[in-house]
């Protein structure tokens, strides 16, 4: 075998191996995901989510979450509250149509994992850490955000009835 053929064969093996490793980490968001939120005088769901999920329990450094929630998909179970939620007084869905999260670091914890990254809501970006578990091809996490940190709503009028801390429960089934 000539040195050129040998180098070509090695390059092909390395290239195919890199593709196989990357492919084994990629996950598609499956039907049945759930994004619930709750606080004083407010609760509901977001119905539309998309994203790029790469997760490898054995190689957290290669893992990545890049997700987006459609703000206009909010459903509080009350049509009037839905209209208020997407209005300029709250999320301003016309100007800020998405809530995004982009990971920067993953770590293993005693109860599962933690992902740190940038959460953007209403045009404001904050670094947060989200604890989660991964079992039966489903990511589950619970965390809270302070709506005032992101300029969502005010503390005037009826808006002050809504708690600042909003609890989120997320369940995302995935397939390869």
C-alpha atoms as a PDB file:
ATOM      1  CA  UNK A   1       0.000   0.000   0.000  1.00  0.00           C
ATOM      2  CA  UNK A   2       1.387   3.368  -0.949  1.00  0.00           C
ATOM      3  CA  UNK A   3       1.773   6.057   1.707  1.00  0.00           C
ATOM      4  CA  UNK A   4      -0.813   8.246  -0.074  1.00  0.00           C
ATOM      5  CA  UNK A   5      -3.452   5.489  -0.103  1.00  0.00           C
ATOM      6  CA  UNK A   6      -2.684   4.723   3.533  1.00  0.00           C
ATOM      7  CA  UNK A   7      -3.084   8.403   4.554  1.00  0.00           C
ATOM      8  CA  UNK A   8      -6.308   8.622   2.534  1.00  0.00           C
ATOM      9  CA  UNK A   9      -7.698   5.556   4.257  1.00  0.00           C
ATOM     10  CA  UNK A  10      -6.774   6.913   7.723  1.00  0.00           C
ATOM     11  CA  UNK A  11      -8.375  10.279   6.882  1.00  0.00           C
ATOM     12  CA  UNK A  12     -11.580   8.521   5.740  1.00  0.00           C
ATOM     13  CA  UNK A  13     -11.737   6.454   8.949  1.00  0.00           C
ATOM     14  CA  UNK A  14     -11.203   9.528  11.136  1.00  0.00           C
ATOM     15  CA  UNK A  15     -13.826  11.514   9.196  1.00  0.00           C
ATOM     16  CA  UNK A  16     -16.390   8.703   9.391  1.00  0.00           C
ATOM     17  CA  UNK A  17     -15.673   8.174  13.099  1.00  0.00           C
ATOM     18  CA  UNK A  18     -16.184  11.872  13.840  1.00  0.00           C
ATOM     19  CA  UNK A  19     -19.514  11.778  11.988  1.00  0.00           C
ATOM     20  CA  UNK A  20     -20.616   8.667  13.871  1.00  0.00           C
ATOM     21  CA  UNK A  21     -19.696  10.149  17.260  1.00  0.00           C
ATOM     22  CA  UNK A  22     -21.474  13.435  16.475  1.00  0.00           C
ATOM     23  CA  UNK A  23     -24.498  11.609  15.075  1.00  0.00           C
ATOM     24  CA  UNK A  24     -24.854   9.482  18.219  1.00  0.00           C
ATOM     25  CA  UNK A  25     -25.228  12.626  20.369  1.00  0.00           C
ATOM     26  CA  UNK A  26     -27.898  14.372  18.294  1.00  0.00           C
ATOM     27  CA  UNK A  27     -31.472  14.173  19.547  1.00  0.00           C
ATOM     28  CA  UNK A  28     -34.742  15.284  17.985  1.00  0.00           C
ATOM     29  CA  UNK A  29     -37.462  16.788  20.163  1.00  0.00           C
ATOM     30  CA  UNK A  30     -40.369  14.345  20.133  1.00  0.00           C
ATOM     31  CA  UNK A  31     -44.106  14.886  20.450  1.00  0.00           C
ATOM     32  CA  UNK A  32     -45.416  15.194  23.984  1.00  0.00           C
ATOM     33  CA  UNK A  33     -43.014  17.806  25.354  1.00  0.00           C
ATOM     34  CA  UNK A  34     -44.306  20.022  28.139  1.00  0.00           C
ATOM     35  CA  UNK A  35     -43.324  23.533  29.219  1.00  0.00           C
ATOM     36  CA  UNK A  36     -45.375  24.541  32.270  1.00  0.00           C
ATOM     37  CA  UNK A  37     -45.098  27.726  34.298  1.00  0.00           C
ATOM     38  CA  UNK A  38     -46.716  28.770  37.562  1.00  0.00           C
ATOM     39  CA  UNK A  39     -46.667  31.601  40.054  1.00  0.00           C
ATOM     40  CA  UNK A  40     -49.132  33.587  42.102  1.00  0.00           C
ATOM     41  CA  UNK A  41     -52.105  34.516  39.866  1.00  0.00           C
ATOM     42  CA  UNK A  42     -50.548  32.961  36.753  1.00  0.00           C
ATOM     43  CA  UNK A  43     -50.083  29.471  35.355  1.00  0.00           C
ATOM     44  CA  UNK A  44     -50.094  27.826  31.973  1.00  0.00           C
ATOM     45  CA  UNK A  45     -48.013  26.302  29.237  1.00  0.00           C
ATOM     46  CA  UNK A  46     -46.081  27.178  26.119  1.00  0.00           C
ATOM     47  CA  UNK A  47     -47.236  24.965  23.267  1.00  0.00           C
ATOM     48  CA  UNK A  48     -44.435  25.444  20.710  1.00  0.00           C
ATOM     49  CA  UNK A  49     -40.760  24.647  21.164  1.00  0.00           C
ATOM     50  CA  UNK A  50     -37.895  23.846  18.808  1.00  0.00           C
ATOM     51  CA  UNK A  51     -34.213  23.258  19.234  1.00  0.00           C
ATOM     52  CA  UNK A  52     -30.931  21.548  18.632  1.00  0.00           C
ATOM     53  CA  UNK A  53     -30.097  19.048  21.352  1.00  0.00           C
ATOM     54  CA  UNK A  54     -26.805  17.227  21.517  1.00  0.00           C
ATOM     55  CA  UNK A  55     -26.262  15.274  24.704  1.00  0.00           C
ATOM     56  CA  UNK A  56     -23.808  12.549  25.578  1.00  0.00           C
ATOM     57  CA  UNK A  57     -23.767  11.384  29.202  1.00  0.00           C
ATOM     58  CA  UNK A  58     -20.209  10.143  28.682  1.00  0.00           C
ATOM     59  CA  UNK A  59     -18.932  13.325  27.046  1.00  0.00           C
ATOM     60  CA  UNK A  60     -20.608  16.336  28.640  1.00  0.00           C
ATOM     61  CA  UNK A  61     -18.056  18.680  27.041  1.00  0.00           C
ATOM     62  CA  UNK A  62     -19.488  17.818  23.615  1.00  0.00           C
ATOM     63  CA  UNK A  63     -23.090  18.372  24.741  1.00  0.00           C
ATOM     64  CA  UNK A  64     -25.141  21.384  23.647  1.00  0.00           C
ATOM     65  CA  UNK A  65     -28.678  22.721  24.074  1.00  0.00           C
ATOM     66  CA  UNK A  66     -29.959  25.458  21.802  1.00  0.00           C
ATOM     67  CA  UNK A  67     -33.703  25.841  22.247  1.00  0.00           C
ATOM     68  CA  UNK A  68     -36.422  28.321  21.379  1.00  0.00           C
ATOM     69  CA  UNK A  69     -39.960  28.733  22.717  1.00  0.00           C
ATOM     70  CA  UNK A  70     -42.554  30.602  20.654  1.00  0.00           C
ATOM     71  CA  UNK A  71     -43.895  33.318  22.995  1.00  0.00           C
ATOM     72  CA  UNK A  72     -47.177  33.536  21.034  1.00  0.00           C
ATOM     73  CA  UNK A  73     -47.842  29.873  21.876  1.00  0.00           C
ATOM     74  CA  UNK A  74     -48.570  30.774  25.514  1.00  0.00           C
ATOM     75  CA  UNK A  75     -51.769  29.271  26.892  1.00  0.00           C
ATOM     76  CA  UNK A  76     -52.984  30.236  30.358  1.00  0.00           C
ATOM     77  CA  UNK A  77     -56.412  28.668  29.901  1.00  0.00           C
ATOM     78  CA  UNK A  78     -57.886  32.178  29.767  1.00  0.00           C
ATOM     79  CA  UNK A  79     -58.155  33.992  26.425  1.00  0.00           C
ATOM     80  CA  UNK A  80     -57.927  37.446  28.033  1.00  0.00           C
ATOM     81  CA  UNK A  81     -54.785  36.491  29.989  1.00  0.00           C
ATOM     82  CA  UNK A  82     -53.255  35.075  26.796  1.00  0.00           C
ATOM     83  CA  UNK A  83     -53.825  38.407  25.008  1.00  0.00           C
ATOM     84  CA  UNK A  84     -52.284  40.306  27.919  1.00  0.00           C
ATOM     85  CA  UNK A  85     -49.314  37.927  28.081  1.00  0.00           C
ATOM     86  CA  UNK A  86     -48.311  38.545  24.452  1.00  0.00           C
ATOM     87  CA  UNK A  87     -48.997  42.298  24.663  1.00  0.00           C
ATOM     88  CA  UNK A  88     -46.382  45.028  25.074  1.00  0.00           C
ATOM     89  CA  UNK A  89     -47.192  45.151  28.811  1.00  0.00           C
ATOM     90  CA  UNK A  90     -45.800  41.640  29.310  1.00  0.00           C
ATOM     91  CA  UNK A  91     -43.796  39.540  26.821  1.00  0.00           C
ATOM     92  CA  UNK A  92     -44.277  41.849  23.799  1.00  0.00           C
ATOM     93  CA  UNK A  93     -44.369  38.875  21.431  1.00  0.00           C
ATOM     94  CA  UNK A  94     -44.354  41.109  18.362  1.00  0.00           C
ATOM     95  CA  UNK A  95     -40.951  42.588  19.282  1.00  0.00           C
ATOM     96  CA  UNK A  96     -39.571  39.550  21.168  1.00  0.00           C
ATOM     97  CA  UNK A  97     -41.172  36.479  19.543  1.00  0.00           C
ATOM     98  CA  UNK A  98     -38.974  33.845  21.216  1.00  0.00           C
ATOM     99  CA  UNK A  99     -37.577  32.783  24.564  1.00  0.00           C
ATOM    100  CA  UNK A 100     -34.195  31.181  23.899  1.00  0.00           C
ATOM    101  CA  UNK A 101     -31.669  29.160  25.853  1.00  0.00           C
ATOM    102  CA  UNK A 102     -28.137  28.401  24.661  1.00  0.00           C
ATOM    103  CA  UNK A 103     -25.911  26.216  26.812  1.00  0.00           C
ATOM    104  CA  UNK A 104     -22.285  26.900  27.620  1.00  0.00           C
ATOM    105  CA  UNK A 105     -21.449  24.164  30.158  1.00  0.00           C
ATOM    106  CA  UNK A 106     -22.757  20.830  31.472  1.00  0.00           C
ATOM    107  CA  UNK A 107     -21.885  19.102  34.712  1.00  0.00           C
ATOM    108  CA  UNK A 108     -22.844  15.912  36.550  1.00  0.00           C
ATOM    109  CA  UNK A 109     -24.602  16.312  39.931  1.00  0.00           C
ATOM    110  CA  UNK A 110     -25.682  13.922  42.695  1.00  0.00           C
ATOM    111  CA  UNK A 111     -29.235  13.848  41.309  1.00  0.00           C
ATOM    112  CA  UNK A 112     -28.582  14.140  37.575  1.00  0.00           C
ATOM    113  CA  UNK A 113     -27.055  16.985  35.604  1.00  0.00           C
ATOM    114  CA  UNK A 114     -26.856  20.750  35.452  1.00  0.00           C
ATOM    115  CA  UNK A 115     -26.647  22.904  32.348  1.00  0.00           C
ATOM    116  CA  UNK A 116     -25.441  26.498  32.467  1.00  0.00           C
ATOM    117  CA  UNK A 117     -26.154  28.895  29.663  1.00  0.00           C
ATOM    118  CA  UNK A 118     -27.788  32.088  28.497  1.00  0.00           C
ATOM    119  CA  UNK A 119     -31.532  32.506  28.840  1.00  0.00           C
ATOM    120  CA  UNK A 120     -33.023  35.332  26.786  1.00  0.00           C
ATOM    121  CA  UNK A 121     -36.500  36.598  27.576  1.00  0.00           C
ATOM    122  CA  UNK A 122     -37.972  39.902  26.405  1.00  0.00           C
ATOM    123  CA  UNK A 123     -34.629  40.958  24.908  1.00  0.00           C
ATOM    124  CA  UNK A 124     -32.728  40.490  28.180  1.00  0.00           C
ATOM    125  CA  UNK A 125     -30.021  37.854  28.525  1.00  0.00           C
ATOM    126  CA  UNK A 126     -29.048  36.272  31.841  1.00  0.00           C
ATOM    127  CA  UNK A 127     -26.793  33.343  32.656  1.00  0.00           C
ATOM    128  CA  UNK A 128     -28.662  30.636  34.549  1.00  0.00           C
ATOM    129  CA  UNK A 129     -28.087  27.057  35.640  1.00  0.00           C
ATOM    130  CA  UNK A 130     -30.831  24.493  35.196  1.00  0.00           C
ATOM    131  CA  UNK A 131     -30.813  21.155  37.031  1.00  0.00           C
ATOM    132  CA  UNK A 132     -32.180  18.261  34.989  1.00  0.00           C
ATOM    133  CA  UNK A 133     -32.417  14.513  34.744  1.00  0.00           C
ATOM    134  CA  UNK A 134     -32.199  12.328  31.662  1.00  0.00           C
ATOM    135  CA  UNK A 135     -34.025   9.031  31.812  1.00  0.00           C
ATOM    136  CA  UNK A 136     -35.909   6.940  29.241  1.00  0.00           C
ATOM    137  CA  UNK A 137     -34.924   9.429  26.501  1.00  0.00           C
ATOM    138  CA  UNK A 138     -36.616  12.306  28.363  1.00  0.00           C
ATOM    139  CA  UNK A 139     -35.089  15.463  29.814  1.00  0.00           C
ATOM    140  CA  UNK A 140     -36.869  16.741  32.950  1.00  0.00           C
ATOM    141  CA  UNK A 141     -36.066  19.941  34.781  1.00  0.00           C
ATOM    142  CA  UNK A 142     -37.530  22.361  37.300  1.00  0.00           C
ATOM    143  CA  UNK A 143     -36.244  25.853  37.988  1.00  0.00           C
ATOM    144  CA  UNK A 144     -37.462  29.385  38.667  1.00  0.00           C
ATOM    145  CA  UNK A 145     -36.879  32.707  36.985  1.00  0.00           C
ATOM    146  CA  UNK A 146     -37.591  36.188  38.287  1.00  0.00           C
ATOM    147  CA  UNK A 147     -39.805  37.834  35.667  1.00  0.00           C
ATOM    148  CA  UNK A 148     -38.632  41.294  36.780  1.00  0.00           C
ATOM    149  CA  UNK A 149     -35.010  40.361  35.919  1.00  0.00           C
ATOM    150  CA  UNK A 150     -36.204  40.081  32.313  1.00  0.00           C
ATOM    151  CA  UNK A 151     -38.533  43.099  32.270  1.00  0.00           C
ATOM    152  CA  UNK A 152     -41.684  40.992  31.908  1.00  0.00           C
ATOM    153  CA  UNK A 153     -44.614  42.955  33.339  1.00  0.00           C
ATOM    154  CA  UNK A 154     -44.368  45.610  36.027  1.00  0.00           C
ATOM    155  CA  UNK A 155     -45.139  45.973  39.696  1.00  0.00           C
ATOM    156  CA  UNK A 156     -48.034  48.382  39.021  1.00  0.00           C
ATOM    157  CA  UNK A 157     -51.766  47.828  38.932  1.00  0.00           C
ATOM    158  CA  UNK A 158     -52.997  44.280  38.424  1.00  0.00           C
ATOM    159  CA  UNK A 159     -49.479  43.198  37.388  1.00  0.00           C
ATOM    160  CA  UNK A 160     -48.265  43.396  40.985  1.00  0.00           C
ATOM    161  CA  UNK A 161     -50.559  40.443  41.833  1.00  0.00           C
ATOM    162  CA  UNK A 162     -48.328  38.157  39.743  1.00  0.00           C
ATOM    163  CA  UNK A 163     -45.397  36.788  41.721  1.00  0.00           C
ATOM    164  CA  UNK A 164     -41.921  37.790  40.623  1.00  0.00           C
ATOM    165  CA  UNK A 165     -40.635  34.202  40.856  1.00  0.00           C
ATOM    166  CA  UNK A 166     -42.123  31.985  38.176  1.00  0.00           C
ATOM    167  CA  UNK A 167     -41.560  28.248  38.494  1.00  0.00           C
ATOM    168  CA  UNK A 168     -40.968  26.286  35.287  1.00  0.00           C
ATOM    169  CA  UNK A 169     -41.369  22.551  34.816  1.00  0.00           C
ATOM    170  CA  UNK A 170     -40.003  21.181  31.569  1.00  0.00           C
ATOM    171  CA  UNK A 171     -40.282  17.673  30.177  1.00  0.00           C
ATOM    172  CA  UNK A 172     -38.782  17.005  26.745  1.00  0.00           C
ATOM    173  CA  UNK A 173     -38.887  13.515  25.255  1.00  0.00           C
ATOM    174  CA  UNK A 174     -36.323  12.991  22.488  1.00  0.00           C
ATOM    175  CA  UNK A 175     -35.516  10.488  19.762  1.00  0.00           C
ATOM    176  CA  UNK A 176     -32.282   9.813  17.884  1.00  0.00           C
END
